Amino acid sequence: MKYVDEFRDAALARGIAAAIAREAATGRPYHLMEFCGGHTHAVSRYGIPDLLPDNVRMIHGPGCPVCVLPVGRIDDAIAIARQPGVILCTYGDVLRVPGSGRVSLLKAKAGGADVRMVLSTMDALRIAEENPDREVVFFAIGFETTTPPTAVAVHAARAKGLRNFSVFCNHVLTPAAIRGIMDSPEVRDLGTLALDGVVGPAHVSVVIGSRPYEFVAETYGKPVVIAGFEPLDVLQAILMLIRQVNEGRAVVENQFTRAVTPEGNWKAQRLVADTFDVRSGFEWRGLGSLPDSGLRLKEEFATFDAERRFAVPGRAVPDHKGCECGDILRGVKKPSDCKLFGTVCTPENPMGSCMVSAEGGCAAHYTYGRFRDHRLAVS
């Protein structure tokens, strides 16, 4: 398949890995964060760490939208779903994220709430049309990639005159999260997390372009390379970052030129800007409340805002006391550092959000990386 097969060529991968080994033979460590959950999955799935020299370390970042959603927002969604006459619709991974008392939307559904998995925002809109006597709430989640479809649904609902459709908005912004990582004590104070560069998101960058990351290089002096999801994409991005570090440069480079442009998708950006306002602050799992990091519907769409239509608890709730998701999302710890990992916490029985989504660091490591841990332990 074009643009897939040629980016999975084993011989080319070995060639890039050899180049990385040569150029990283400087006696110094290289700590590179892949921000996007899709990259976290790719790094684990394709065994990228096995191709890297010991002094090049990949660090998981907070780029999984299901993972960064705090417990309190899950509790809010469950509270909405349990109200009489409500149908709550959302994407599959969200259904399994545990809230307070390890109650998830799936468990709420088993208890009688009408919770339905959808594949798109338009599925939720169709359900609202088919059930005019019910309140249909779409639990919207995701970074800039999934925000435009939510905007499309809101505009379509207004055009159709649907009074029983609303959105529980949990869309968040990538640049704000990267800034949160860079401003964290672990990075800012040169503490437990030394970062030398960032592998920039792929799908998000198709929407917002490469320019929004320029502050990372200009303000924090860290290079950024936007990369695709195939193994050669990731390896080439790592090589580009190492070269920048070695040359003392810090700029934004675009490896994913077949899909990403500097300006991004203007039509999608305009649609989002016409539909949403930026919240003054929004709570992230592991990162706390980040300024200007979340979206909510504009006043003109207030009738479609589930937070204005329903009473929600809106409480800040701590993670399970044994769960290390927060530290893993900040890159401070690895999944294997968590005492619950692979024992009481598995994809079938997740204790935290990082074990739920395929893009979560714990789920990816459980599926692929734990076998590498075993090989290293016995070697």
Protein backbone atom coordinates (compact mmCIF):
# COMPACT_ATOMS: atom_id res chain seq x y z
CA MET A 1 0.00 0.00 0.00
CA LYS A 2 1.47 3.34 -1.02
CA TYR A 3 2.73 5.53 1.86
CA VAL A 4 2.62 2.51 4.18
CA ASP A 5 4.69 -0.37 2.82
CA GLU A 6 7.64 1.80 1.84
CA PHE A 7 7.73 3.23 5.38
CA ARG A 8 8.04 -0.27 6.87
CA ASP A 9 11.08 -1.40 4.90
CA ALA A 10 13.31 -3.41 7.26
CA ALA A 11 16.53 -2.73 5.37
CA LEU A 12 15.92 1.02 5.41
CA ALA A 13 15.07 0.83 9.11
CA ARG A 14 18.39 -0.87 9.86
CA GLY A 15 20.17 1.79 7.82
CA ILE A 16 18.56 4.66 9.76
CA ALA A 17 19.23 2.85 13.05
CA ALA A 18 22.91 2.54 12.10
CA ALA A 19 23.01 6.28 11.34
CA ILE A 20 21.43 7.03 14.72
CA ALA A 21 24.04 4.87 16.46
CA ARG A 22 26.89 6.65 14.65
CA GLU A 23 25.62 10.16 15.34
CA ALA A 24 24.64 9.42 18.93
CA ALA A 25 28.11 8.10 19.76
CA THR A 26 29.01 11.32 21.53
CA GLY A 27 29.22 10.07 25.11
CA ARG A 28 26.11 11.99 26.13
CA PRO A 29 22.52 10.81 26.71
CA TYR A 30 19.59 11.82 24.50
CA HIS A 31 16.16 12.02 26.12
CA LEU A 32 13.43 12.45 23.50
CA MET A 33 9.72 12.70 24.28
CA GLU A 34 7.17 11.41 21.83
CA PHE A 35 4.18 13.55 22.77
CA CYS A 36 1.51 11.77 20.74
CA GLY A 37 -0.15 8.58 21.97
CA GLY A 38 -0.08 7.26 18.41
CA HIS A 39 3.69 7.55 18.47
CA THR A 40 3.83 5.81 21.85
CA HIS A 41 1.93 2.90 20.33
CA ALA A 42 4.18 2.89 17.24
CA VAL A 43 7.38 3.00 19.32
CA SER A 44 6.25 -0.06 21.28
CA ARG A 45 4.62 -1.94 18.40
CA TYR A 46 7.58 -1.70 16.05
CA GLY A 47 10.23 -2.31 18.69
CA ILE A 48 11.91 1.06 18.15
CA PRO A 49 13.81 0.90 21.49
CA ASP A 50 15.52 -2.29 20.31
CA LEU A 51 16.96 -0.37 17.35
CA LEU A 52 18.35 2.50 19.43
CA PRO A 53 21.66 2.71 21.28
CA ASP A 54 21.49 2.64 25.06
CA ASN A 55 22.07 6.39 25.37
CA VAL A 56 18.97 7.29 23.32
CA ARG A 57 15.83 7.02 25.42
CA MET A 58 12.25 7.56 24.31
CA ILE A 59 9.94 9.08 26.93
CA HIS A 60 6.16 8.81 26.77
CA GLY A 61 4.28 12.11 26.88
CA PRO A 62 0.68 13.17 27.66
CA GLY A 63 -0.61 12.83 24.09
CA CYS A 64 -3.36 10.28 24.72
CA PRO A 65 -6.68 12.18 25.10
CA VAL A 66 -8.37 9.35 26.99
CA CYS A 67 -5.41 9.13 29.37
CA VAL A 68 -5.23 12.81 30.32
CA LEU A 69 -8.93 13.10 31.17
CA PRO A 70 -9.13 13.40 34.97
CA VAL A 71 -11.32 11.20 37.16
CA GLY A 72 -13.66 14.11 37.91
CA ARG A 73 -14.68 14.52 34.28
CA ILE A 74 -15.50 10.80 34.05
CA ASP A 75 -17.64 11.22 37.17
CA ASP A 76 -19.39 14.18 35.51
CA ALA A 77 -20.19 12.09 32.43
CA ILE A 78 -21.55 9.27 34.59
CA ALA A 79 -23.70 11.76 36.50
CA ILE A 80 -25.16 13.00 33.21
CA ALA A 81 -25.72 9.47 31.91
CA ARG A 82 -27.63 8.50 35.06
CA GLN A 83 -30.16 11.32 34.72
CA PRO A 84 -33.63 10.20 33.59
CA GLY A 85 -34.26 10.27 29.86
CA VAL A 86 -30.59 10.74 28.88
CA ILE A 87 -28.71 8.81 26.19
CA LEU A 88 -24.98 9.40 26.49
CA CYS A 89 -22.88 8.66 23.40
CA THR A 90 -19.10 8.53 23.13
CA TYR A 91 -16.15 6.74 21.58
CA GLY A 92 -15.23 3.22 22.66
CA ASP A 93 -12.11 3.75 24.77
CA VAL A 94 -13.81 6.32 27.00
CA LEU A 95 -16.37 3.76 28.15
CA ARG A 96 -13.74 1.78 30.08
CA VAL A 97 -11.94 4.59 31.93
CA PRO A 98 -12.55 4.14 35.67
CA GLY A 99 -14.01 7.03 37.63
CA SER A 100 -14.50 7.26 41.38
CA GLY A 101 -14.85 3.89 43.06
CA ARG A 102 -13.61 2.33 39.78
CA VAL A 103 -17.05 2.93 38.26
CA SER A 104 -16.78 3.40 34.50
CA LEU A 105 -19.38 4.34 31.91
CA LEU A 106 -19.60 0.66 31.02
CA LYS A 107 -20.43 -0.19 34.62
CA ALA A 108 -22.95 2.67 34.69
CA LYS A 109 -24.51 1.14 31.58
CA ALA A 110 -24.68 -2.23 33.31
CA GLY A 111 -26.45 -0.45 36.16
CA GLY A 112 -29.17 0.86 33.87
CA ALA A 113 -27.79 4.05 32.29
CA ASP A 114 -28.30 4.34 28.52
CA VAL A 115 -24.69 4.65 27.33
CA ARG A 116 -23.91 3.97 23.69
CA MET A 117 -20.66 3.66 21.75
CA VAL A 118 -20.52 5.63 18.50
CA LEU A 119 -17.96 5.79 15.72
CA SER A 120 -18.55 9.44 14.84
CA THR A 121 -20.28 12.58 16.02
CA MET A 122 -22.87 12.13 13.28
CA ASP A 123 -23.88 8.79 14.82
CA ALA A 124 -24.81 10.68 17.99
CA LEU A 125 -26.73 13.22 15.92
CA ARG A 126 -28.66 10.43 14.21
CA ILE A 127 -29.56 8.93 17.60
CA ALA A 128 -30.92 12.33 18.66
CA GLU A 129 -33.06 12.49 15.53
CA GLU A 130 -34.37 8.96 16.14
CA ASN A 131 -35.20 9.69 19.80
CA PRO A 132 -36.87 13.13 19.90
CA ASP A 133 -38.30 12.43 23.38
CA ARG A 134 -34.84 11.73 24.88
CA GLU A 135 -31.88 13.97 25.72
CA VAL A 136 -28.86 12.82 23.71
CA VAL A 137 -25.47 13.94 25.02
CA PHE A 138 -22.27 13.44 23.05
CA PHE A 139 -19.25 13.04 25.34
CA ALA A 140 -16.70 14.87 23.17
CA ILE A 141 -13.05 14.09 23.80
CA GLY A 142 -9.77 14.52 21.99
CA PHE A 143 -7.11 16.91 20.81
CA GLU A 144 -7.35 19.16 17.77
CA THR A 145 -7.84 16.15 15.49
CA THR A 146 -11.32 15.25 16.77
CA THR A 147 -12.51 18.78 17.54
CA PRO A 148 -13.68 19.73 14.00
CA PRO A 149 -16.10 16.78 13.78
CA THR A 150 -17.69 17.90 17.05
CA ALA A 151 -18.08 21.40 15.60
CA VAL A 152 -19.70 19.92 12.48
CA ALA A 153 -22.22 18.07 14.65
CA VAL A 154 -23.11 21.20 16.64
CA HIS A 155 -23.69 23.23 13.47
CA ALA A 156 -25.72 20.39 11.98
CA ALA A 157 -27.86 20.15 15.13
CA ARG A 158 -28.61 23.86 14.96
CA ALA A 159 -29.44 23.64 11.25
CA LYS A 160 -31.80 20.70 11.90
CA GLY A 161 -33.41 22.40 14.89
CA LEU A 162 -32.53 19.53 17.23
CA ARG A 163 -33.36 20.67 20.76
CA ASN A 164 -32.50 17.34 22.38
CA PHE A 165 -28.82 17.22 21.39
CA SER A 166 -25.95 18.56 23.48
CA VAL A 167 -22.19 18.14 23.87
CA PHE A 168 -20.18 17.46 27.02
CA CYS A 169 -17.00 19.08 25.77
CA ASN A 170 -13.60 17.76 26.82
CA HIS A 171 -11.53 18.83 23.84
CA VAL A 172 -8.00 19.88 24.79
CA LEU A 173 -5.12 21.70 23.12
CA THR A 174 -1.73 20.19 22.31
CA PRO A 175 0.53 23.28 22.54
CA ALA A 176 -0.75 24.03 26.04
CA ALA A 177 0.10 20.51 27.17
CA ILE A 178 3.61 20.75 25.73
CA ARG A 179 4.04 24.06 27.54
CA GLY A 180 2.81 22.36 30.72
CA ILE A 181 5.50 19.69 30.36
CA MET A 182 8.21 22.27 29.68
CA ASP A 183 7.11 24.34 32.70
CA SER A 184 6.89 21.33 35.02
CA PRO A 185 9.37 21.30 37.92
CA GLU A 186 10.90 18.07 36.61
CA VAL A 187 11.96 19.79 33.37
CA ARG A 188 12.26 23.43 34.39
CA ASP A 189 14.46 22.78 37.41
CA LEU A 190 16.52 20.11 35.61
CA GLY A 191 15.14 17.59 38.06
CA THR A 192 14.08 14.03 37.33
CA LEU A 193 13.19 14.65 33.67
CA ALA A 194 15.85 15.90 31.26
CA LEU A 195 14.37 16.55 27.82
CA ASP A 196 16.52 17.11 24.76
CA GLY A 197 13.82 17.18 22.09
CA VAL A 198 10.22 16.41 21.16
CA VAL A 199 8.73 14.18 18.47
CA GLY A 200 5.76 16.31 17.44
CA PRO A 201 2.26 14.89 16.82
CA ALA A 202 1.19 13.78 13.36
CA HIS A 203 -2.60 13.98 13.04
CA VAL A 204 -2.87 17.05 15.28
CA SER A 205 -0.31 18.81 13.11
CA VAL A 206 -2.30 18.07 9.97
CA VAL A 207 -4.98 20.30 11.50
CA ILE A 208 -2.97 23.01 13.27
CA GLY A 209 0.20 22.95 11.15
CA SER A 210 3.80 23.12 12.34
CA ARG A 211 3.94 26.79 13.35
CA PRO A 212 2.22 26.42 16.76
CA TYR A 213 5.23 24.48 18.06
CA GLU A 214 7.74 27.24 17.37
CA PHE A 215 7.52 28.46 20.97
CA VAL A 216 9.09 25.17 22.13
CA ALA A 217 12.27 26.01 20.22
CA GLU A 218 12.20 29.76 20.78
CA THR A 219 11.22 29.84 24.47
CA TYR A 220 12.58 26.57 25.81
CA GLY A 221 15.44 25.88 23.40
CA LYS A 222 14.21 22.38 22.57
CA PRO A 223 14.06 21.02 19.00
CA VAL A 224 10.81 19.61 17.64
CA VAL A 225 10.43 17.20 14.72
CA ILE A 226 6.90 16.41 13.54
CA ALA A 227 6.72 12.77 12.47
CA GLY A 228 4.36 10.27 10.90
CA PHE A 229 3.36 7.02 12.57
CA GLU A 230 5.24 4.42 10.54
CA PRO A 231 8.52 2.98 11.88
CA LEU A 232 10.69 4.79 9.33
CA ASP A 233 8.90 8.05 10.18
CA VAL A 234 9.74 7.68 13.86
CA LEU A 235 13.34 6.59 13.24
CA GLN A 236 13.98 9.45 10.85
CA ALA A 237 12.52 11.93 13.36
CA ILE A 238 14.83 10.57 16.06
CA LEU A 239 17.82 10.98 13.74
CA MET A 240 16.76 14.55 12.90
CA LEU A 241 16.45 15.40 16.60
CA ILE A 242 19.87 13.94 17.42
CA ARG A 243 21.42 15.99 14.63
CA GLN A 244 19.83 19.16 15.96
CA VAL A 245 21.09 18.44 19.46
CA ASN A 246 24.60 17.69 18.20
CA GLU A 247 24.65 20.88 16.15
CA GLY A 248 23.30 23.02 19.00
CA ARG A 249 20.19 23.92 17.01
CA ALA A 250 16.59 24.18 18.23
CA VAL A 251 14.04 24.60 15.45
CA VAL A 252 10.80 22.97 14.31
CA GLU A 253 11.36 20.50 11.50
CA ASN A 254 8.72 18.56 9.60
CA GLN A 255 9.46 14.93 8.77
CA PHE A 256 5.80 14.27 7.93
CA THR A 257 5.79 16.48 4.84
CA ARG A 258 3.40 14.18 2.99
CA ALA A 259 0.59 15.35 5.28
CA VAL A 260 1.65 18.35 7.39
CA THR A 261 2.14 21.95 6.23
CA PRO A 262 3.27 25.02 8.20
CA GLU A 263 -0.22 26.56 8.16
CA GLY A 264 -2.30 23.39 8.65
CA ASN A 265 -5.95 23.01 7.67
CA TRP A 266 -7.38 26.53 7.60
CA LYS A 267 -10.94 25.38 7.00
CA ALA A 268 -10.90 23.15 10.09
CA GLN A 269 -9.26 25.88 12.16
CA ARG A 270 -11.90 28.44 11.17
CA LEU A 271 -14.71 26.01 11.99
CA VAL A 272 -13.28 25.35 15.44
CA ALA A 273 -12.70 29.07 16.10
CA ASP A 274 -16.30 29.83 15.10
CA THR A 275 -17.68 27.17 17.45
CA PHE A 276 -15.51 27.09 20.58
CA ASP A 277 -13.93 29.42 23.10
CA VAL A 278 -10.74 28.63 24.99
CA ARG A 279 -11.32 27.92 28.67
CA SER A 280 -9.21 29.92 31.12
CA GLY A 281 -8.11 26.64 32.65
CA PHE A 282 -8.77 22.92 32.33
CA GLU A 283 -7.80 20.00 34.56
CA TRP A 284 -5.46 17.35 33.10
CA ARG A 285 -4.59 14.05 34.70
CA GLY A 286 -0.98 14.29 35.87
CA LEU A 287 -0.49 17.91 34.78
CA GLY A 288 -3.05 19.64 36.96
CA SER A 289 -4.96 22.69 35.78
CA LEU A 290 -3.33 24.16 32.67
CA PRO A 291 -4.25 27.66 31.47
CA ASP A 292 -5.80 28.05 28.02
CA SER A 293 -5.70 24.29 27.46
CA GLY A 294 -9.34 23.29 26.91
CA LEU A 295 -12.32 24.29 24.81
CA ARG A 296 -15.99 24.95 25.49
CA LEU A 297 -18.85 25.93 23.22
CA LYS A 298 -19.34 29.61 22.47
CA GLU A 299 -22.24 31.48 24.04
CA GLU A 300 -24.22 31.35 20.80
CA PHE A 301 -24.18 27.54 21.06
CA ALA A 302 -24.98 27.49 24.80
CA THR A 303 -28.18 25.54 24.18
CA PHE A 304 -26.00 22.64 22.98
CA ASP A 305 -23.67 22.75 26.00
CA ALA A 306 -24.38 19.80 28.31
CA GLU A 307 -22.56 21.49 31.19
CA ARG A 308 -25.11 24.31 31.05
CA ARG A 309 -28.06 22.01 30.45
CA PHE A 310 -27.35 19.48 33.23
CA ALA A 311 -26.15 19.73 36.79
CA VAL A 312 -22.73 18.08 36.96
CA PRO A 313 -20.65 17.58 40.13
CA GLY A 314 -17.54 19.30 38.75
CA ARG A 315 -15.34 17.94 41.53
CA ALA A 316 -11.59 17.37 41.41
CA VAL A 317 -11.01 13.70 42.26
CA PRO A 318 -7.58 12.13 42.89
CA ASP A 319 -6.38 9.05 41.01
CA HIS A 320 -6.29 5.62 42.63
CA LYS A 321 -3.59 5.93 45.28
CA GLY A 322 -1.53 3.09 43.79
CA CYS A 323 -1.83 4.30 40.18
CA GLU A 324 1.17 6.06 38.61
CA CYS A 325 -0.68 7.37 35.52
CA GLY A 326 0.02 10.98 36.43
CA ASP A 327 3.79 10.50 36.63
CA ILE A 328 3.78 8.33 33.49
CA LEU A 329 1.92 11.02 31.52
CA ARG A 330 4.53 13.59 32.59
CA GLY A 331 7.35 11.26 31.56
CA VAL A 332 8.69 11.07 35.11
CA LYS A 333 8.08 7.33 35.39
CA LYS A 334 7.84 4.37 33.03
CA PRO A 335 4.87 1.98 33.02
CA SER A 336 7.04 -0.75 34.53
CA ASP A 337 7.75 1.54 37.52
CA CYS A 338 4.13 1.21 38.63
CA LYS A 339 3.57 -1.55 41.19
CA LEU A 340 0.11 -2.21 39.76
CA PHE A 341 1.33 -2.67 36.18
CA GLY A 342 0.66 -6.12 34.76
CA THR A 343 -0.62 -7.45 38.11
CA VAL A 344 -3.93 -5.97 39.27
CA CYS A 345 -3.83 -3.44 36.40
CA THR A 346 -4.24 -4.94 32.94
CA PRO A 347 -6.17 -3.92 29.81
CA GLU A 348 -8.97 -6.25 30.93
CA ASN A 349 -8.98 -4.74 34.43
CA PRO A 350 -7.58 -1.19 34.17
CA MET A 351 -6.93 0.72 37.36
CA GLY A 352 -5.98 3.89 35.49
CA SER A 353 -6.62 5.51 32.13
CA CYS A 354 -3.14 4.76 30.73
CA MET A 355 -4.05 1.07 30.61
CA VAL A 356 -7.34 1.66 28.76
CA SER A 357 -6.52 3.23 25.41
CA ALA A 358 -4.27 1.57 22.84
CA GLU A 359 -2.44 4.93 22.75
CA GLY A 360 -1.82 4.85 26.50
CA GLY A 361 1.74 4.24 27.61
CA CYS A 362 0.76 1.40 29.95
CA ALA A 363 -1.47 -0.39 27.42
CA ALA A 364 1.19 -0.13 24.71
CA HIS A 365 3.90 -1.38 27.04
CA TYR A 366 1.68 -4.21 28.29
CA THR A 367 0.97 -5.35 24.73
CA TYR A 368 4.53 -5.08 23.43
CA GLY A 369 7.13 -3.75 25.86
CA ARG A 370 6.75 -6.12 28.80
CA PHE A 371 8.25 -8.92 26.70
CA ARG A 372 11.29 -6.71 26.12
CA ASP A 373 11.51 -6.13 29.89
CA HIS A 374 11.58 -9.89 30.40
CA ARG A 375 14.33 -10.39 27.82
CA LEU A 376 16.46 -7.70 29.46
CA ALA A 377 15.87 -9.18 32.91
CA VAL A 378 17.05 -12.66 31.92
CA SER A 379 19.93 -11.57 29.67
